[in-house]
Amino acid sequence: RGLPPTPIAMPSQAAINAVLHPEKGKSLYFVAKGNGQGTHVFSATLKEHNNAVNKYQRKR
């Protein structure tokens, strides 16, 4: 019972570096592609994002 003796979730060094030094881009939104490979669609506008969300929802 209670908390485990070690961290529950520990980000990798690569994840920390990605946050501290993000790639340049205009994307503000993202949604899963839903292809079972853990990939995403990144969008710069809400309209693009909503289209990607609709496409994802149709796949489900």
PDB file of N, CA and C in Angstrom:
ATOM      1  N   ARG A   1       0.834  -1.187   0.000  1.00  0.00           N
ATOM      2  CA  ARG A   1       0.000   0.000   0.000  1.00  0.00           C
ATOM      3  C   ARG A   1       0.873   1.242   0.000  1.00  0.00           C
ATOM      4  N   GLY A   2       0.292   2.329  -0.488  1.00  0.00           N
ATOM      5  CA  GLY A   2       1.060   3.560  -0.558  1.00  0.00           C
ATOM      6  C   GLY A   2       1.833   3.668  -1.855  1.00  0.00           C
ATOM      7  N   LEU A   3       2.786   4.556  -1.864  1.00  0.00           N
ATOM      8  CA  LEU A   3       3.573   4.794  -3.069  1.00  0.00           C
ATOM      9  C   LEU A   3       4.730   3.804  -3.175  1.00  0.00           C
ATOM     10  N   PRO A   4       5.137   3.470  -4.400  1.00  0.00           N
ATOM     11  CA  PRO A   4       6.285   2.580  -4.572  1.00  0.00           C
ATOM     12  C   PRO A   4       7.579   3.302  -4.195  1.00  0.00           C
ATOM     13  N   PRO A   5       8.649   2.552  -3.949  1.00  0.00           N
ATOM     14  CA  PRO A   5       9.908   3.175  -3.532  1.00  0.00           C
ATOM     15  C   PRO A   5      10.647   3.909  -4.653  1.00  0.00           C
ATOM     16  N   THR A   6      10.232   3.691  -5.898  1.00  0.00           N
ATOM     17  CA  THR A   6      10.897   4.337  -7.036  1.00  0.00           C
ATOM     18  C   THR A   6       9.910   5.243  -7.760  1.00  0.00           C
ATOM     19  N   PRO A   7      10.384   6.128  -8.640  1.00  0.00           N
ATOM     20  CA  PRO A   7       9.473   7.006  -9.381  1.00  0.00           C
ATOM     21  C   PRO A   7       8.445   6.209 -10.186  1.00  0.00           C
ATOM     22  N   ILE A   8       7.240   6.735 -10.268  1.00  0.00           N
ATOM     23  CA  ILE A   8       6.175   6.093 -11.036  1.00  0.00           C
ATOM     24  C   ILE A   8       6.420   6.297 -12.528  1.00  0.00           C
ATOM     25  N   ALA A   9       6.831   7.483 -12.895  1.00  0.00           N
ATOM     26  CA  ALA A   9       7.119   7.789 -14.296  1.00  0.00           C
ATOM     27  C   ALA A   9       8.347   8.689 -14.336  1.00  0.00           C
ATOM     28  N   MET A  10       9.290   8.321 -15.158  1.00  0.00           N
ATOM     29  CA  MET A  10      10.527   9.089 -15.254  1.00  0.00           C
ATOM     30  C   MET A  10      10.794   9.364 -16.726  1.00  0.00           C
ATOM     31  N   PRO A  11      10.778  10.649 -17.152  1.00  0.00           N
ATOM     32  CA  PRO A  11      11.038  10.947 -18.563  1.00  0.00           C
ATOM     33  C   PRO A  11      12.487  10.619 -18.930  1.00  0.00           C
ATOM     34  N   SER A  12      12.670  10.217 -20.166  1.00  0.00           N
ATOM     35  CA  SER A  12      14.022   9.919 -20.646  1.00  0.00           C
ATOM     36  C   SER A  12      14.789  11.218 -20.883  1.00  0.00           C
ATOM     37  N   GLN A  13      16.088  11.104 -21.007  1.00  0.00           N
ATOM     38  CA  GLN A  13      16.915  12.274 -21.310  1.00  0.00           C
ATOM     39  C   GLN A  13      16.511  12.868 -22.657  1.00  0.00           C
ATOM     40  N   ALA A  14      16.161  12.012 -23.617  1.00  0.00           N
ATOM     41  CA  ALA A  14      15.732  12.492 -24.939  1.00  0.00           C
ATOM     42  C   ALA A  14      14.451  13.312 -24.826  1.00  0.00           C
ATOM     43  N   ALA A  15      13.520  12.888 -23.971  1.00  0.00           N
ATOM     44  CA  ALA A  15      12.271  13.629 -23.788  1.00  0.00           C
ATOM     45  C   ALA A  15      12.538  14.996 -23.154  1.00  0.00           C
ATOM     46  N   ILE A  16      13.419  15.033 -22.187  1.00  0.00           N
ATOM     47  CA  ILE A  16      13.768  16.304 -21.540  1.00  0.00           C
ATOM     48  C   ILE A  16      14.433  17.243 -22.546  1.00  0.00           C
ATOM     49  N   ASN A  17      15.354  16.713 -23.344  1.00  0.00           N
ATOM     50  CA  ASN A  17      16.020  17.540 -24.363  1.00  0.00           C
ATOM     51  C   ASN A  17      15.029  18.053 -25.401  1.00  0.00           C
ATOM     52  N   ALA A  18      14.049  17.236 -25.766  1.00  0.00           N
ATOM     53  CA  ALA A  18      13.042  17.657 -26.747  1.00  0.00           C
ATOM     54  C   ALA A  18      12.217  18.823 -26.215  1.00  0.00           C
ATOM     55  N   VAL A  19      11.927  18.815 -24.923  1.00  0.00           N
ATOM     56  CA  VAL A  19      11.164  19.913 -24.318  1.00  0.00           C
ATOM     57  C   VAL A  19      12.016  21.178 -24.236  1.00  0.00           C
ATOM     58  N   LEU A  20      13.267  21.020 -23.878  1.00  0.00           N
ATOM     59  CA  LEU A  20      14.148  22.180 -23.732  1.00  0.00           C
ATOM     60  C   LEU A  20      14.591  22.763 -25.068  1.00  0.00           C
ATOM     61  N   HIS A  21      14.619  21.919 -26.110  1.00  0.00           N
ATOM     62  CA  HIS A  21      15.092  22.352 -27.430  1.00  0.00           C
ATOM     63  C   HIS A  21      14.142  21.838 -28.514  1.00  0.00           C
ATOM     64  N   PRO A  22      12.915  22.363 -28.555  1.00  0.00           N
ATOM     65  CA  PRO A  22      11.937  21.856 -29.531  1.00  0.00           C
ATOM     66  C   PRO A  22      12.322  22.213 -30.959  1.00  0.00           C
ATOM     67  N   GLU A  23      11.862  21.375 -31.889  1.00  0.00           N
ATOM     68  CA  GLU A  23      12.070  21.668 -33.310  1.00  0.00           C
ATOM     69  C   GLU A  23      11.254  22.898 -33.684  1.00  0.00           C
ATOM     70  N   LYS A  24      11.771  23.680 -34.603  1.00  0.00           N
ATOM     71  CA  LYS A  24      11.035  24.855 -35.072  1.00  0.00           C
ATOM     72  C   LYS A  24       9.873  24.395 -35.938  1.00  0.00           C
ATOM     73  N   GLY A  25       8.758  25.074 -35.801  1.00  0.00           N
ATOM     74  CA  GLY A  25       7.594  24.734 -36.598  1.00  0.00           C
ATOM     75  C   GLY A  25       6.423  25.620 -36.237  1.00  0.00           C
ATOM     76  N   LYS A  26       5.364  25.502 -36.995  1.00  0.00           N
ATOM     77  CA  LYS A  26       4.180  26.330 -36.779  1.00  0.00           C
ATOM     78  C   LYS A  26       3.019  25.541 -36.192  1.00  0.00           C
ATOM     79  N   SER A  27       3.236  24.273 -35.895  1.00  0.00           N
ATOM     80  CA  SER A  27       2.149  23.430 -35.400  1.00  0.00           C
ATOM     81  C   SER A  27       1.722  23.844 -33.999  1.00  0.00           C
ATOM     82  N   LEU A  28       0.411  23.982 -33.831  1.00  0.00           N
ATOM     83  CA  LEU A  28      -0.156  24.296 -32.523  1.00  0.00           C
ATOM     84  C   LEU A  28      -1.008  23.154 -31.994  1.00  0.00           C
ATOM     85  N   TYR A  29      -1.407  22.244 -32.877  1.00  0.00           N
ATOM     86  CA  TYR A  29      -2.328  21.171 -32.521  1.00  0.00           C
ATOM     87  C   TYR A  29      -1.771  19.828 -32.984  1.00  0.00           C
ATOM     88  N   PHE A  30      -2.203  18.759 -32.308  1.00  0.00           N
ATOM     89  CA  PHE A  30      -1.867  17.427 -32.791  1.00  0.00           C
ATOM     90  C   PHE A  30      -2.958  16.447 -32.396  1.00  0.00           C
ATOM     91  N   VAL A  31      -3.071  15.396 -33.191  1.00  0.00           N
ATOM     92  CA  VAL A  31      -4.023  14.326 -32.915  1.00  0.00           C
ATOM     93  C   VAL A  31      -3.399  13.034 -33.423  1.00  0.00           C
ATOM     94  N   ALA A  32      -3.722  11.925 -32.770  1.00  0.00           N
ATOM     95  CA  ALA A  32      -3.207  10.628 -33.208  1.00  0.00           C
ATOM     96  C   ALA A  32      -3.701  10.304 -34.609  1.00  0.00           C
ATOM     97  N   LYS A  33      -2.857   9.630 -35.384  1.00  0.00           N
ATOM     98  CA  LYS A  33      -3.281   9.197 -36.717  1.00  0.00           C
ATOM     99  C   LYS A  33      -4.239   8.016 -36.620  1.00  0.00           C
ATOM    100  N   GLY A  34      -4.125   7.245 -35.551  1.00  0.00           N
ATOM    101  CA  GLY A  34      -5.002   6.091 -35.387  1.00  0.00           C
ATOM    102  C   GLY A  34      -4.603   4.924 -36.267  1.00  0.00           C
ATOM    103  N   ASN A  35      -3.323   4.873 -36.647  1.00  0.00           N
ATOM    104  CA  ASN A  35      -2.852   3.804 -37.523  1.00  0.00           C
ATOM    105  C   ASN A  35      -2.166   2.674 -36.753  1.00  0.00           C
ATOM    106  N   GLY A  36      -2.226   2.737 -35.434  1.00  0.00           N
ATOM    107  CA  GLY A  36      -1.628   1.692 -34.616  1.00  0.00           C
ATOM    108  C   GLY A  36      -0.114   1.781 -34.495  1.00  0.00           C
ATOM    109  N   GLN A  37       0.485   2.832 -35.026  1.00  0.00           N
ATOM    110  CA  GLN A  37       1.940   2.972 -34.977  1.00  0.00           C
ATOM    111  C   GLN A  37       2.393   4.078 -34.027  1.00  0.00           C
ATOM    112  N   GLY A  38       1.453   4.700 -33.327  1.00  0.00           N
ATOM    113  CA  GLY A  38       1.804   5.749 -32.376  1.00  0.00           C
ATOM    114  C   GLY A  38       2.235   7.053 -33.014  1.00  0.00           C
ATOM    115  N   THR A  39       1.782   7.310 -34.245  1.00  0.00           N
ATOM    116  CA  THR A  39       2.156   8.543 -34.933  1.00  0.00           C
ATOM    117  C   THR A  39       1.030   9.566 -34.844  1.00  0.00           C
ATOM    118  N   HIS A  40       1.355  10.808 -35.169  1.00  0.00           N
ATOM    119  CA  HIS A  40       0.413  11.908 -35.017  1.00  0.00           C
ATOM    120  C   HIS A  40       0.362  12.789 -36.257  1.00  0.00           C
ATOM    121  N   VAL A  41      -0.721  13.556 -36.356  1.00  0.00           N
ATOM    122  CA  VAL A  41      -0.865  14.591 -37.377  1.00  0.00           C
ATOM    123  C   VAL A  41      -0.720  15.925 -36.656  1.00  0.00           C
ATOM    124  N   PHE A  42       0.173  16.768 -37.132  1.00  0.00           N
ATOM    125  CA  PHE A  42       0.388  18.086 -36.544  1.00  0.00           C
ATOM    126  C   PHE A  42      -0.226  19.138 -37.452  1.00  0.00           C
ATOM    127  N   SER A  43      -0.891  20.131 -36.856  1.00  0.00           N
ATOM    128  CA  SER A  43      -1.605  21.149 -37.624  1.00  0.00           C
ATOM    129  C   SER A  43      -1.264  22.541 -37.115  1.00  0.00           C
ATOM    130  N   ALA A  44      -1.247  23.493 -38.045  1.00  0.00           N
ATOM    131  CA  ALA A  44      -0.953  24.886 -37.697  1.00  0.00           C
ATOM    132  C   ALA A  44      -2.221  25.689 -37.447  1.00  0.00           C
ATOM    133  N   THR A  45      -3.358  25.233 -37.990  1.00  0.00           N
ATOM    134  CA  THR A  45      -4.613  25.971 -37.817  1.00  0.00           C
ATOM    135  C   THR A  45      -5.670  25.067 -37.198  1.00  0.00           C
ATOM    136  N   LEU A  46      -6.665  25.697 -36.602  1.00  0.00           N
ATOM    137  CA  LEU A  46      -7.755  24.929 -36.004  1.00  0.00           C
ATOM    138  C   LEU A  46      -8.536  24.171 -37.073  1.00  0.00           C
ATOM    139  N   LYS A  47      -8.686  24.766 -38.243  1.00  0.00           N
ATOM    140  CA  LYS A  47      -9.405  24.094 -39.333  1.00  0.00           C
ATOM    141  C   LYS A  47      -8.682  22.805 -39.741  1.00  0.00           C
ATOM    142  N   GLU A  48      -7.356  22.878 -39.911  1.00  0.00           N
ATOM    143  CA  GLU A  48      -6.575  21.680 -40.238  1.00  0.00           C
ATOM    144  C   GLU A  48      -6.715  20.633 -39.136  1.00  0.00           C
ATOM    145  N   HIS A  49      -6.656  21.084 -37.898  1.00  0.00           N
ATOM    146  CA  HIS A  49      -6.771  20.172 -36.761  1.00  0.00           C
ATOM    147  C   HIS A  49      -8.131  19.487 -36.744  1.00  0.00           C
ATOM    148  N   ASN A  50      -9.192  20.271 -36.927  1.00  0.00           N
ATOM    149  CA  ASN A  50     -10.532  19.683 -36.927  1.00  0.00           C
ATOM    150  C   ASN A  50     -10.690  18.660 -38.044  1.00  0.00           C
ATOM    151  N   ASN A  51     -10.090  18.909 -39.201  1.00  0.00           N
ATOM    152  CA  ASN A  51     -10.119  17.930 -40.290  1.00  0.00           C
ATOM    153  C   ASN A  51      -9.402  16.645 -39.884  1.00  0.00           C
ATOM    154  N   ALA A  52      -8.256  16.785 -39.225  1.00  0.00           N
ATOM    155  CA  ALA A  52      -7.506  15.612 -38.773  1.00  0.00           C
ATOM    156  C   ALA A  52      -8.284  14.842 -37.708  1.00  0.00           C
ATOM    157  N   VAL A  53      -8.952  15.555 -36.812  1.00  0.00           N
ATOM    158  CA  VAL A  53      -9.768  14.902 -35.782  1.00  0.00           C
ATOM    159  C   VAL A  53     -10.918  14.144 -36.431  1.00  0.00           C
ATOM    160  N   ASN A  54     -11.590  14.770 -37.385  1.00  0.00           N
ATOM    161  CA  ASN A  54     -12.695  14.097 -38.075  1.00  0.00           C
ATOM    162  C   ASN A  54     -12.212  12.839 -38.779  1.00  0.00           C
ATOM    163  N   LYS A  55     -11.052  12.910 -39.414  1.00  0.00           N
ATOM    164  CA  LYS A  55     -10.488  11.738 -40.096  1.00  0.00           C
ATOM    165  C   LYS A  55     -10.187  10.635 -39.086  1.00  0.00           C
ATOM    166  N   TYR A  56      -9.614  11.005 -37.934  1.00  0.00           N
ATOM    167  CA  TYR A  56      -9.323  10.033 -36.879  1.00  0.00           C
ATOM    168  C   TYR A  56     -10.610   9.371 -36.389  1.00  0.00           C
ATOM    169  N   GLN A  57     -11.639  10.179 -36.152  1.00  0.00           N
ATOM    170  CA  GLN A  57     -12.896   9.647 -35.628  1.00  0.00           C
ATOM    171  C   GLN A  57     -13.579   8.722 -36.626  1.00  0.00           C
ATOM    172  N   ARG A  58     -13.445   8.980 -37.914  1.00  0.00           N
ATOM    173  CA  ARG A  58     -14.039   8.102 -38.933  1.00  0.00           C
ATOM    174  C   ARG A  58     -13.349   6.740 -38.961  1.00  0.00           C
ATOM    175  N   LYS A  59     -12.060   6.697 -38.607  1.00  0.00           N
ATOM    176  CA  LYS A  59     -11.314   5.433 -38.588  1.00  0.00           C
ATOM    177  C   LYS A  59     -11.739   4.540 -37.435  1.00  0.00           C
ATOM    178  N   ARG A  60     -12.235   5.124 -36.386  1.00  0.00           N
ATOM    179  CA  ARG A  60     -12.589   4.360 -35.190  1.00  0.00           C
ATOM    180  C   ARG A  60     -13.835   3.641 -35.426  1.00  0.00           C
TER     181      ARG A  60
END
